[in-house]
Amino acid sequence: MSSSDHAASHGSKDEKDVGIPSYSGAPEHEGAIQSDNWATRNGLNLESFKKRDYGTGIVELDRSMKPRHLHMIAIGGSIGAGFFVGSGSALSTGGPATLLIDFLIIGIMMFNVVYALGELAVMYPVSGGFYTYATRFIDPSWGFAMGWNYVLQWAVVVPLELTVCSISISYWNADISPGVWITVFYVFIIIVNIFGTLGYAEEEFWASILKLSATVIFMIISLVCVLGGGPEGGRYDEYWGARLWYEPGAFRNGFKGFCAVFVTAAFSFSGTELVGLAAAEAHNPAKALPGAIKQVFWRITLFYVLGLTFVGLLISSDDPHLLNASSDDSAASPFVLVGQYAGLNGFNHFMNLIILVSVVSIGVSGVYGGSRTLTALAQQGYAPKIFSYVDRSGRPLFSVGLLLAFGLLAYINLAAAGPVIFDWLQALSGLAALFTWGSICLSHIRFRKAWAYHGHTLDEIPFKAVGGIYGSWLGVILVVLVLIAQFYTAIAPPGQDELNDAAGFFQSYLALPVVILFWVVGYLWKRTGWLRTHQIDVDTGRREIDWEEINAFRAEVASWPAWKRLLHVIF
């Protein structure tokens, strides 16, 4: 029902008129022409840096990612400093109940965001997916803003994560200059990116296994400590229970504290959407992505919610380590403090190592996510054409180079004014992800509306979001509520009676004016506005699906008992 001829005649004119990027409907085996030389394909010789020759189709990046890569990127890819370290400052700001509730609310939001993204990415697996979906289904000017906002978000995260690496190392040795460790980890990120997509995928796979294993170990040890099974002489050598929920209490700083923790929770989930971006570089997204998307449910419930429940049970919200340390200091990580207070010799060092691995992993993800989106922007004329350059090993060379160049900003932290500058850099990335998530949900809503308008049925969608458009509406509403909550705390910060000054407000809410600026620039450049339903083309560039195989599998699933069908939905 979606032949390339029909797609071309039905949608290409509208796309050209409204400035939407055009997509090829080429089968998945067509596209960039790969080199026969192993060293060239893996970026290990000078030949690999030359420009790649293209066949048909616009998917110019490699499709070397395997299902195991996508699964681990989905379940553990974005677990980093926000979860391991930022949860400590969130605990001191809002208390254990607020920590749990806010992360749960953001988790519900992310559940719907990722499923909406999965539905779109299986049908339209193009590089830079978030930007292209907003451009295609909402408004090309808004798509421009979302693309550049996402690039800027990751460009800022790279130097931030490099700085946190040096802080994590100082837990063991504070005498060596942070500049040394920034250099060491900067070189490591460069080496990973030499191997292109496969380098990122393998690094994320093994880093995710390590992070998830450590989190499971932490939860087992925490359960033992809560029940009073800690080492003799340690804090948890008697039944501990939920005493900290009563004294000093489940909540801190009232409603302000509740609102303030949202931004920490949102930052902790940043990167979850990378699984959709990575789908464009998987060999068969229609097969690999649905299983990977389902893993997000388990990450939210098992690792974030259960892990932070133990944190709230074992670490007091008025702990001096949490109150006096920055959100980047691994010494303030509740995961490190549990080992320290329990008297488990070496466990605090083990968790600090895991934090270090997590932070480096997010730095690698930053280069990957930012560079792929920048390449997509350049391919559609929304960024300088030089960034569309893809070399013979499948690396978007100049895009990767720009993101790595931003990493050099980490050295600013060595200057006296470095911390102040970094506060402003962090302000750029704090809320940026929320706009991306809201756009994904709105793109899904608009896609479904246009899908029905053009005479299609839901049965023609190979992978459907569990919550449908209602889940996406819930995602949009939660994004708006979190932005309102953060606006409130930007004006009236928790822990102080007076209102914030202008500098303090914009350090909390800088992402909004930046997004508006990008949207205005996009509108002035492209002169396009909100797309009407009849202008949205849902056929061009749609991946060809093996319906015989899908329908046979659906029939098999329908014959299963109810319990087995339920397990299929969540696994």
Protein backbone atom coordinates (compact mmCIF):
# COMPACT_ATOMS: atom_id res chain seq x y z
CA MET A 1 0.00 0.00 0.00
CA SER A 2 3.02 2.25 0.26
CA SER A 3 4.92 1.79 -2.97
CA SER A 4 7.65 4.25 -3.77
CA ASP A 5 5.69 5.49 -6.80
CA HIS A 6 2.66 6.29 -4.69
CA ALA A 7 4.85 7.91 -2.06
CA ALA A 8 6.60 10.09 -4.58
CA SER A 9 3.42 11.25 -6.26
CA HIS A 10 1.53 11.70 -3.01
CA GLY A 11 3.97 13.53 -0.82
CA SER A 12 7.02 14.97 -2.51
CA LYS A 13 5.33 18.13 -3.74
CA ASP A 14 3.93 19.00 -0.32
CA GLU A 15 7.30 18.30 1.24
CA LYS A 16 9.05 20.62 -1.18
CA ASP A 17 6.47 23.35 -0.62
CA VAL A 18 6.80 23.37 3.16
CA GLY A 19 10.51 22.74 3.39
CA ILE A 20 10.28 19.22 4.80
CA PRO A 21 13.31 17.03 4.11
CA SER A 22 12.69 14.51 1.37
CA TYR A 23 13.30 10.85 2.08
CA SER A 24 14.17 8.02 -0.20
CA GLY A 25 12.08 4.90 -0.02
CA ALA A 26 15.03 2.69 -0.88
CA PRO A 27 15.19 -0.82 0.52
CA GLU A 28 17.52 -1.31 3.42
CA HIS A 29 20.25 -3.07 1.46
CA GLU A 30 20.79 0.02 -0.67
CA GLY A 31 22.55 3.20 0.45
CA ALA A 32 26.19 3.94 1.14
CA ILE A 33 28.73 1.74 -0.61
CA GLN A 34 31.00 0.05 1.94
CA SER A 35 34.67 -0.60 1.38
CA ASP A 36 35.89 -4.17 1.01
CA ASN A 37 38.98 -3.33 3.06
CA TRP A 38 38.61 -4.24 6.76
CA ALA A 39 40.91 -1.44 7.98
CA THR A 40 39.06 1.14 5.88
CA ARG A 41 35.66 0.00 7.14
CA ASN A 42 36.85 0.33 10.75
CA GLY A 43 38.61 3.67 10.35
CA LEU A 44 42.13 2.34 10.89
CA ASN A 45 43.95 3.73 7.84
CA LEU A 46 44.24 7.05 6.04
CA GLU A 47 42.03 5.79 3.21
CA SER A 48 39.10 5.61 5.66
CA PHE A 49 39.08 9.42 6.04
CA LYS A 50 38.25 9.99 2.37
CA LYS A 51 34.69 10.84 1.37
CA ARG A 52 32.39 7.87 0.95
CA ASP A 53 30.74 7.01 -2.37
CA TYR A 54 26.97 6.70 -2.17
CA GLY A 55 24.48 4.45 -3.86
CA THR A 56 20.78 5.19 -3.64
CA GLY A 57 19.01 6.42 -0.51
CA ILE A 58 19.87 9.07 2.06
CA VAL A 59 20.91 6.76 4.91
CA GLU A 60 24.61 7.43 4.64
CA LEU A 61 25.78 6.14 7.99
CA ASP A 62 26.76 2.54 8.70
CA ARG A 63 24.22 -0.06 9.78
CA SER A 64 26.66 -2.02 11.89
CA MET A 65 24.73 -1.90 15.17
CA LYS A 66 23.42 -5.25 16.39
CA PRO A 67 20.31 -5.97 18.50
CA ARG A 68 22.49 -6.57 21.60
CA HIS A 69 23.89 -3.03 21.20
CA LEU A 70 20.43 -1.47 20.95
CA HIS A 71 19.18 -3.45 23.96
CA MET A 72 22.03 -2.30 26.19
CA ILE A 73 21.87 1.30 24.96
CA ALA A 74 18.16 1.25 25.87
CA ILE A 75 18.51 -0.30 29.31
CA GLY A 76 21.78 1.23 30.53
CA GLY A 77 23.00 3.83 28.08
CA SER A 78 21.99 6.99 29.92
CA ILE A 79 22.71 5.86 33.48
CA GLY A 80 25.41 8.29 34.53
CA ALA A 81 26.33 11.06 36.96
CA GLY A 82 22.73 12.29 37.14
CA PHE A 83 21.64 8.98 38.66
CA PHE A 84 24.72 8.07 40.70
CA VAL A 85 25.73 11.57 41.90
CA GLY A 86 22.87 13.98 41.15
CA SER A 87 20.49 11.82 43.19
CA GLY A 88 22.44 12.90 46.29
CA SER A 89 21.80 16.62 45.80
CA ALA A 90 18.18 15.80 44.88
CA LEU A 91 17.82 13.85 48.14
CA SER A 92 19.10 16.79 50.18
CA THR A 93 16.80 19.20 48.33
CA GLY A 94 13.52 17.28 48.44
CA GLY A 95 13.91 14.32 50.79
CA PRO A 96 13.49 10.59 50.05
CA ALA A 97 9.75 10.69 49.19
CA THR A 98 10.19 13.58 46.76
CA LEU A 99 13.18 11.83 45.18
CA LEU A 100 11.12 8.71 44.57
CA ILE A 101 7.95 10.48 43.37
CA ASP A 102 9.73 12.87 40.99
CA PHE A 103 11.85 10.13 39.40
CA LEU A 104 8.71 8.00 39.06
CA ILE A 105 6.83 10.84 37.32
CA ILE A 106 9.72 11.46 34.92
CA GLY A 107 9.92 7.68 34.43
CA ILE A 108 6.26 7.54 33.38
CA MET A 109 6.94 10.40 30.98
CA MET A 110 9.98 8.62 29.51
CA PHE A 111 8.07 5.36 29.15
CA ASN A 112 5.61 7.10 26.83
CA VAL A 113 8.29 9.13 25.06
CA VAL A 114 10.38 6.07 24.20
CA TYR A 115 7.41 4.05 22.97
CA ALA A 116 6.27 6.95 20.78
CA LEU A 117 9.83 7.23 19.48
CA GLY A 118 9.95 3.48 18.85
CA GLU A 119 6.79 3.58 16.72
CA LEU A 120 8.19 6.41 14.59
CA ALA A 121 11.74 5.04 14.37
CA VAL A 122 10.62 1.60 13.15
CA MET A 123 8.66 3.23 10.32
CA TYR A 124 11.08 6.07 9.52
CA PRO A 125 14.58 5.08 10.73
CA VAL A 126 16.54 8.11 9.52
CA SER A 127 19.65 9.63 11.03
CA GLY A 128 18.87 12.51 13.38
CA GLY A 129 15.40 11.12 13.99
CA PHE A 130 14.14 13.60 16.60
CA TYR A 131 14.83 16.60 14.44
CA THR A 132 13.40 15.02 11.29
CA TYR A 133 10.19 13.92 13.03
CA ALA A 134 9.55 17.43 14.36
CA THR A 135 10.29 18.86 10.89
CA ARG A 136 8.09 16.36 9.14
CA PHE A 137 5.08 16.20 11.47
CA ILE A 138 4.99 19.53 13.41
CA ASP A 139 6.75 22.51 11.87
CA PRO A 140 10.04 22.75 9.91
CA SER A 141 11.06 25.81 11.95
CA TRP A 142 10.45 23.92 15.20
CA GLY A 143 12.38 20.97 13.76
CA PHE A 144 15.28 23.34 13.09
CA ALA A 145 15.10 24.52 16.72
CA MET A 146 14.94 20.95 18.07
CA GLY A 147 17.86 19.81 15.93
CA TRP A 148 20.16 22.62 17.03
CA ASN A 149 18.93 22.44 20.62
CA TYR A 150 19.88 18.76 20.70
CA VAL A 151 23.30 19.39 19.18
CA LEU A 152 23.95 22.17 21.72
CA GLN A 153 22.75 19.98 24.60
CA TRP A 154 25.31 17.27 23.82
CA ALA A 155 28.04 19.74 22.86
CA VAL A 156 27.82 21.15 26.40
CA VAL A 157 27.56 17.73 28.05
CA VAL A 158 30.92 16.55 26.60
CA PRO A 159 33.11 19.07 28.53
CA LEU A 160 30.89 18.73 31.60
CA GLU A 161 31.39 14.96 31.71
CA LEU A 162 35.15 15.32 31.17
CA THR A 163 35.27 17.65 34.18
CA VAL A 164 33.27 15.18 36.31
CA CYS A 165 35.80 12.49 35.28
CA SER A 166 38.61 14.55 36.82
CA ILE A 167 36.53 15.14 39.98
CA SER A 168 35.85 11.40 40.29
CA ILE A 169 39.57 10.65 40.07
CA SER A 170 40.28 13.23 42.78
CA TYR A 171 38.36 10.96 45.18
CA TRP A 172 41.49 8.81 45.15
CA ASN A 173 44.20 11.40 44.49
CA ALA A 174 43.53 15.13 44.78
CA ASP A 175 47.18 16.11 44.25
CA ILE A 176 47.33 15.55 40.48
CA SER A 177 46.00 18.43 38.38
CA PRO A 178 42.50 17.83 36.97
CA GLY A 179 43.90 18.86 33.58
CA VAL A 180 45.86 15.61 33.40
CA TRP A 181 42.76 13.46 33.81
CA ILE A 182 40.71 15.63 31.45
CA THR A 183 43.38 14.96 28.82
CA VAL A 184 43.46 11.21 29.51
CA PHE A 185 39.70 10.77 29.13
CA TYR A 186 39.51 13.21 26.22
CA VAL A 187 42.00 11.02 24.33
CA PHE A 188 39.95 7.94 25.23
CA ILE A 189 36.78 9.50 23.76
CA ILE A 190 38.71 10.35 20.57
CA ILE A 191 39.95 6.75 20.28
CA VAL A 192 36.41 5.36 20.67
CA ASN A 193 35.18 7.70 17.92
CA ILE A 194 37.94 6.57 15.55
CA PHE A 195 36.04 3.26 15.38
CA GLY A 196 32.83 5.11 14.47
CA THR A 197 29.42 3.57 15.09
CA LEU A 198 30.84 0.20 16.15
CA GLY A 199 33.20 1.90 18.62
CA TYR A 200 30.28 3.71 20.27
CA ALA A 201 28.09 0.60 20.23
CA GLU A 202 30.70 -1.70 21.81
CA GLU A 203 31.74 0.89 24.41
CA GLU A 204 28.10 1.41 25.41
CA PHE A 205 27.43 -2.34 25.48
CA TRP A 206 30.22 -3.16 27.92
CA ALA A 207 29.83 0.05 29.97
CA SER A 208 26.09 -0.66 30.33
CA ILE A 209 26.75 -4.23 31.49
CA LEU A 210 29.16 -2.87 34.12
CA LYS A 211 26.73 -0.14 35.27
CA LEU A 212 23.76 -2.47 35.49
CA SER A 213 25.76 -5.17 37.29
CA ALA A 214 27.00 -2.61 39.83
CA THR A 215 23.47 -1.29 40.40
CA VAL A 216 22.17 -4.83 41.03
CA ILE A 217 25.05 -5.46 43.46
CA PHE A 218 24.25 -2.16 45.20
CA MET A 219 20.57 -3.10 45.58
CA ILE A 220 21.41 -6.53 47.05
CA ILE A 221 23.85 -4.98 49.53
CA SER A 222 21.32 -2.23 50.34
CA LEU A 223 18.60 -4.78 51.09
CA VAL A 224 20.93 -6.57 53.49
CA CYS A 225 21.83 -3.24 55.15
CA VAL A 226 18.19 -2.15 55.50
CA LEU A 227 17.48 -5.45 57.28
CA GLY A 228 20.44 -4.90 59.62
CA GLY A 229 22.88 -7.34 58.07
CA GLY A 230 25.74 -4.86 57.62
CA PRO A 231 29.27 -5.49 58.96
CA GLU A 232 29.75 -5.34 62.72
CA GLY A 233 30.64 -1.83 63.83
CA GLY A 234 29.16 -0.20 60.74
CA ARG A 235 26.07 1.99 60.67
CA TYR A 236 23.82 -0.79 59.41
CA ASP A 237 24.71 -3.60 61.84
CA GLU A 238 21.19 -3.47 63.33
CA TYR A 239 17.75 -3.34 61.76
CA TRP A 240 17.61 -0.04 59.90
CA GLY A 241 14.21 -0.05 58.20
CA ALA A 242 12.54 3.21 57.14
CA ARG A 243 13.64 5.33 60.11
CA LEU A 244 14.96 8.13 57.87
CA TRP A 245 11.49 8.63 56.39
CA TYR A 246 10.36 9.64 59.91
CA GLU A 247 13.44 11.50 61.09
CA PRO A 248 14.57 13.82 59.45
CA GLY A 249 11.42 13.13 57.38
CA ALA A 250 10.19 12.10 53.93
CA PHE A 251 10.01 15.63 52.50
CA ARG A 252 12.29 18.67 52.61
CA ASN A 253 11.65 22.27 51.55
CA GLY A 254 7.95 21.60 50.96
CA PHE A 255 6.46 22.20 47.52
CA LYS A 256 9.58 24.09 46.38
CA GLY A 257 11.72 21.05 47.12
CA PHE A 258 9.27 18.84 45.23
CA CYS A 259 9.46 21.08 42.15
CA ALA A 260 13.25 21.52 42.30
CA VAL A 261 14.02 17.80 42.09
CA PHE A 262 12.28 17.49 38.71
CA VAL A 263 15.20 19.02 36.82
CA THR A 264 17.66 16.58 38.44
CA ALA A 265 15.38 13.70 37.50
CA ALA A 266 15.06 14.97 33.92
CA PHE A 267 18.85 15.34 33.63
CA SER A 268 19.26 11.78 34.96
CA PHE A 269 17.07 10.41 32.16
CA SER A 270 18.82 12.43 29.43
CA GLY A 271 20.12 10.14 26.71
CA THR A 272 17.29 7.61 26.98
CA GLU A 273 16.16 8.75 23.54
CA LEU A 274 19.52 7.78 22.00
CA VAL A 275 18.16 4.31 21.27
CA GLY A 276 15.95 5.91 18.60
CA LEU A 277 18.90 7.75 17.11
CA ALA A 278 20.93 4.54 17.08
CA ALA A 279 18.11 2.71 15.29
CA ALA A 280 19.10 4.40 12.02
CA GLU A 281 22.43 2.58 12.25
CA ALA A 282 21.01 -0.84 13.09
CA HIS A 283 20.90 -3.48 10.37
CA ASN A 284 17.19 -4.21 10.86
CA PRO A 285 15.49 -1.61 13.10
CA ALA A 286 12.01 -3.12 12.61
CA LYS A 287 13.23 -6.30 14.29
CA ALA A 288 15.77 -4.99 16.82
CA LEU A 289 14.17 -1.76 18.08
CA PRO A 290 10.88 -3.01 19.63
CA GLY A 291 12.72 -5.39 21.96
CA ALA A 292 15.16 -2.64 22.93
CA ILE A 293 12.34 -0.16 23.64
CA LYS A 294 10.71 -2.61 26.04
CA GLN A 295 13.91 -2.71 28.13
CA VAL A 296 13.32 0.92 29.13
CA PHE A 297 10.40 -0.21 31.33
CA TRP A 298 12.77 -2.37 33.36
CA ARG A 299 15.42 0.31 33.64
CA ILE A 300 12.85 2.76 35.01
CA THR A 301 11.25 0.34 37.48
CA LEU A 302 14.20 -1.77 38.60
CA PHE A 303 17.17 0.55 38.45
CA TYR A 304 15.85 4.07 38.97
CA VAL A 305 12.83 3.49 41.23
CA LEU A 306 14.12 0.52 43.25
CA GLY A 307 17.69 1.85 43.42
CA LEU A 308 16.58 5.27 44.67
CA THR A 309 14.20 3.68 47.17
CA PHE A 310 17.22 2.10 48.85
CA VAL A 311 19.13 5.38 48.65
CA GLY A 312 16.28 7.14 50.50
CA LEU A 313 16.19 4.40 53.14
CA LEU A 314 19.93 4.35 53.89
CA ILE A 315 21.17 7.93 53.46
CA SER A 316 19.77 10.81 55.49
CA SER A 317 18.56 13.83 53.50
CA ASP A 318 20.43 16.13 55.93
CA ASP A 319 23.73 14.25 55.56
CA PRO A 320 26.55 16.85 55.58
CA HIS A 321 28.21 15.19 52.57
CA LEU A 322 25.10 15.92 50.51
CA LEU A 323 24.61 19.44 51.84
CA ASN A 324 28.11 20.76 51.31
CA ALA A 325 29.19 19.12 48.06
CA SER A 326 28.45 19.99 44.45
CA SER A 327 26.26 17.75 42.29
CA ASP A 328 29.37 16.72 40.35
CA ASP A 329 31.34 15.47 43.35
CA SER A 330 31.38 11.67 43.56
CA ALA A 331 32.18 11.95 47.29
CA ALA A 332 28.58 13.22 47.57
CA SER A 333 27.17 10.19 45.78
CA PRO A 334 24.78 8.26 48.03
CA PHE A 335 25.96 5.09 46.27
CA VAL A 336 29.51 5.76 47.53
CA LEU A 337 28.32 6.85 50.98
CA VAL A 338 26.37 3.61 51.60
CA GLY A 339 29.58 1.57 51.28
CA GLN A 340 31.48 4.06 53.41
CA TYR A 341 28.91 4.12 56.25
CA ALA A 342 28.33 0.36 56.16
CA GLY A 343 32.03 -0.28 56.76
CA LEU A 344 32.33 -2.27 53.54
CA ASN A 345 36.00 -1.75 52.79
CA GLY A 346 36.51 -1.15 49.09
CA PHE A 347 32.83 -0.88 48.10
CA ASN A 348 32.96 2.93 48.06
CA HIS A 349 35.97 2.73 45.71
CA PHE A 350 34.17 0.21 43.51
CA MET A 351 31.14 2.52 43.19
CA ASN A 352 33.38 5.48 42.44
CA LEU A 353 34.93 3.43 39.61
CA ILE A 354 31.42 2.71 38.27
CA ILE A 355 30.62 6.44 38.41
CA LEU A 356 33.80 7.12 36.44
CA VAL A 357 32.83 4.55 33.78
CA SER A 358 29.31 6.00 33.63
CA VAL A 359 30.55 9.54 33.14
CA VAL A 360 32.98 8.55 30.38
CA SER A 361 30.14 6.60 28.74
CA ILE A 362 27.88 9.68 28.71
CA GLY A 363 30.75 11.71 27.22
CA VAL A 364 31.05 9.19 24.35
CA SER A 365 27.25 9.28 23.93
CA GLY A 366 27.40 13.07 23.74
CA VAL A 367 29.77 13.00 20.78
CA TYR A 368 27.67 10.31 19.10
CA GLY A 369 24.25 11.93 19.63
CA GLY A 370 25.36 15.46 18.79
CA SER A 371 27.35 14.51 15.69
CA ARG A 372 24.59 12.36 14.14
CA THR A 373 22.00 15.10 14.64
CA LEU A 374 24.34 17.75 13.21
CA THR A 375 24.95 15.55 10.16
CA ALA A 376 21.19 15.18 9.63
CA LEU A 377 20.77 18.96 9.91
CA ALA A 378 23.47 19.48 7.28
CA GLN A 379 21.96 16.87 4.94
CA GLN A 380 18.68 18.80 4.90
CA GLY A 381 20.25 22.25 4.52
CA TYR A 382 19.76 23.35 8.15
CA ALA A 383 23.51 23.44 8.91
CA PRO A 384 26.65 24.16 6.84
CA LYS A 385 27.08 21.48 4.15
CA ILE A 386 30.54 20.52 5.39
CA PHE A 387 28.91 18.68 8.31
CA SER A 388 27.22 16.27 5.89
CA TYR A 389 30.64 14.77 5.07
CA VAL A 390 30.70 11.04 5.86
CA ASP A 391 33.97 9.19 5.38
CA ARG A 392 34.55 5.67 4.07
CA SER A 393 34.28 4.10 7.53
CA GLY A 394 30.84 5.67 8.04
CA ARG A 395 31.95 8.45 10.40
CA PRO A 396 30.39 11.93 10.05
CA LEU A 397 33.91 13.31 10.30
CA PHE A 398 33.45 17.07 10.64
CA SER A 399 30.41 16.70 12.91
CA VAL A 400 32.40 14.43 15.24
CA GLY A 401 35.29 16.90 15.07
CA LEU A 402 33.09 19.82 16.17
CA LEU A 403 31.64 17.89 19.11
CA LEU A 404 35.15 16.83 20.17
CA ALA A 405 36.29 20.46 19.88
CA PHE A 406 33.63 21.41 22.45
CA GLY A 407 35.29 18.92 24.78
CA LEU A 408 38.23 21.30 25.04
CA LEU A 409 36.00 23.65 27.06
CA ALA A 410 36.64 21.29 29.97
CA TYR A 411 40.01 22.99 30.44
CA ILE A 412 38.21 26.25 31.32
CA ASN A 413 37.48 24.68 34.68
CA LEU A 414 41.17 25.03 35.52
CA ALA A 415 40.84 28.84 35.44
CA ALA A 416 39.67 30.86 38.44
CA ALA A 417 36.40 31.76 36.74
CA GLY A 418 35.93 28.19 35.48
CA PRO A 419 33.20 27.09 37.93
CA VAL A 420 31.08 30.17 37.08
CA ILE A 421 31.39 29.50 33.35
CA PHE A 422 30.50 25.87 33.91
CA ASP A 423 27.36 26.81 35.82
CA TRP A 424 26.19 28.63 32.70
CA LEU A 425 27.14 25.73 30.43
CA GLN A 426 25.17 23.39 32.67
CA ALA A 427 22.20 25.76 32.47
CA LEU A 428 22.14 25.19 28.71
CA SER A 429 21.81 21.42 29.06
CA GLY A 430 19.61 21.15 32.17
CA LEU A 431 16.17 21.49 30.54
CA ALA A 432 17.12 20.95 26.88
CA ALA A 433 16.09 17.28 26.91
CA LEU A 434 12.55 18.15 28.00
CA PHE A 435 11.93 20.02 24.75
CA THR A 436 13.20 17.03 22.77
CA TRP A 437 10.92 14.64 24.67
CA GLY A 438 7.90 16.90 24.28
CA SER A 439 8.57 17.17 20.54
CA ILE A 440 8.80 13.38 20.16
CA CYS A 441 5.37 12.95 21.82
CA LEU A 442 3.82 15.77 19.78
CA SER A 443 5.33 14.34 16.57
CA HIS A 444 3.71 11.00 17.40
CA ILE A 445 0.31 12.63 18.00
CA ARG A 446 0.54 14.55 14.71
CA PHE A 447 1.73 11.44 12.86
CA ARG A 448 -1.25 9.40 14.06
CA LYS A 449 -3.65 12.18 13.02
CA ALA A 450 -2.12 12.43 9.53
CA TRP A 451 -1.95 8.62 9.28
CA ALA A 452 -5.73 8.37 9.75
CA TYR A 453 -6.36 11.39 7.49
CA HIS A 454 -4.57 9.70 4.57
CA GLY A 455 -6.70 6.57 4.93
CA HIS A 456 -4.33 4.28 6.83
CA THR A 457 -5.27 2.00 9.72
CA LEU A 458 -3.44 1.13 12.94
CA ASP A 459 -2.97 -2.42 11.66
CA GLU A 460 -0.50 -1.03 9.11
CA ILE A 461 1.81 0.18 11.91
CA PRO A 462 4.32 -2.62 12.66
CA PHE A 463 5.20 -1.48 16.20
CA LYS A 464 2.61 0.53 18.14
CA ALA A 465 3.21 2.62 21.26
CA VAL A 466 1.60 0.91 24.26
CA GLY A 467 -0.30 4.02 25.35
CA GLY A 468 -1.17 5.17 21.82
CA ILE A 469 -1.82 8.90 21.46
CA TYR A 470 -3.12 9.01 25.05
CA GLY A 471 0.34 8.04 26.28
CA SER A 472 1.89 10.74 24.11
CA TRP A 473 -0.59 13.33 25.40
CA LEU A 474 0.36 12.30 28.93
CA GLY A 475 4.02 12.74 27.97
CA VAL A 476 3.36 16.25 26.59
CA ILE A 477 1.34 17.26 29.67
CA LEU A 478 4.06 16.01 32.06
CA VAL A 479 6.74 17.89 30.08
CA VAL A 480 4.70 21.11 30.38
CA LEU A 481 4.12 20.55 34.12
CA VAL A 482 7.84 19.95 34.74
CA LEU A 483 8.71 23.13 32.83
CA ILE A 484 6.18 25.07 34.96
CA ALA A 485 7.60 23.55 38.16
CA GLN A 486 11.13 24.48 37.14
CA PHE A 487 9.98 28.02 36.25
CA TYR A 488 8.55 28.32 39.76
CA THR A 489 11.77 27.19 41.46
CA ALA A 490 13.83 29.41 39.14
CA ILE A 491 11.91 32.39 40.57
CA ALA A 492 11.68 31.12 44.16
CA PRO A 493 14.50 28.61 44.88
CA PRO A 494 14.03 26.07 47.70
CA GLY A 495 15.81 26.77 50.96
CA GLN A 496 15.59 30.57 50.76
CA ASP A 497 12.80 33.03 51.48
CA GLU A 498 13.72 35.76 49.00
CA LEU A 499 13.17 35.57 45.24
CA ASN A 500 15.99 34.69 42.87
CA ASP A 501 18.02 37.35 41.07
CA ALA A 502 18.21 37.56 37.26
CA ALA A 503 21.44 35.55 37.03
CA GLY A 504 20.05 32.80 39.25
CA PHE A 505 16.82 32.66 37.24
CA PHE A 506 18.56 32.26 33.89
CA GLN A 507 20.98 29.68 35.28
CA SER A 508 17.89 27.60 36.00
CA TYR A 509 15.90 28.44 32.88
CA LEU A 510 18.35 29.35 30.14
CA ALA A 511 17.21 26.51 27.86
CA LEU A 512 13.84 28.16 27.11
CA PRO A 513 15.16 31.44 25.60
CA VAL A 514 17.76 29.42 23.67
CA VAL A 515 15.04 27.20 22.12
CA ILE A 516 12.93 30.25 21.28
CA LEU A 517 15.97 31.88 19.63
CA PHE A 518 16.59 28.76 17.51
CA TRP A 519 12.90 28.64 16.53
CA VAL A 520 12.93 32.32 15.45
CA VAL A 521 16.11 31.78 13.40
CA GLY A 522 14.57 28.68 11.81
CA TYR A 523 11.40 30.59 10.93
CA LEU A 524 13.30 33.54 9.45
CA TRP A 525 15.47 31.14 7.46
CA LYS A 526 12.83 28.73 6.15
CA ARG A 527 9.67 30.90 6.38
CA THR A 528 7.52 27.90 7.25
CA GLY A 529 5.04 27.49 10.09
CA TRP A 530 2.78 24.87 11.66
CA LEU A 531 1.93 22.11 9.20
CA ARG A 532 -1.71 21.41 8.45
CA THR A 533 -2.77 17.76 8.55
CA HIS A 534 -3.17 17.52 4.76
CA GLN A 535 0.40 18.80 4.29
CA ILE A 536 1.93 15.98 6.33
CA ASP A 537 3.27 13.19 4.12
CA VAL A 538 3.25 9.81 5.88
CA ASP A 539 4.23 7.64 2.90
CA THR A 540 7.53 8.91 1.51
CA GLY A 541 10.56 7.28 3.07
CA ARG A 542 8.54 4.69 4.98
CA ARG A 543 10.54 1.51 5.52
CA GLU A 544 9.30 -1.47 3.56
CA ILE A 545 8.00 -4.07 5.99
CA ASP A 546 7.79 -7.84 5.59
CA TRP A 547 4.07 -8.05 6.40
CA GLU A 548 3.83 -11.80 5.86
CA GLU A 549 6.30 -12.39 8.65
CA ILE A 550 4.70 -9.76 10.93
CA ASN A 551 1.14 -11.01 10.40
CA ALA A 552 2.22 -14.61 11.02
CA PHE A 553 3.86 -13.54 14.28
CA ARG A 554 0.80 -11.50 15.32
CA ALA A 555 -1.40 -14.54 14.73
CA GLU A 556 0.94 -16.62 16.87
CA VAL A 557 0.86 -14.02 19.68
CA ALA A 558 -2.97 -13.89 19.52
CA SER A 559 -3.07 -17.65 20.19
CA TRP A 560 -1.02 -17.35 23.38
CA PRO A 561 -2.65 -17.35 26.84
CA ALA A 562 -3.22 -13.95 28.49
CA TRP A 563 -0.23 -14.19 30.86
CA LYS A 564 2.14 -14.91 28.00
CA ARG A 565 0.76 -12.00 25.94
CA LEU A 566 1.31 -9.69 28.93
CA LEU A 567 4.92 -10.83 29.25
CA HIS A 568 5.37 -10.20 25.53
CA VAL A 569 4.17 -6.60 25.95
CA ILE A 570 6.70 -5.75 28.67
CA PHE A 571 9.61 -7.89 27.46
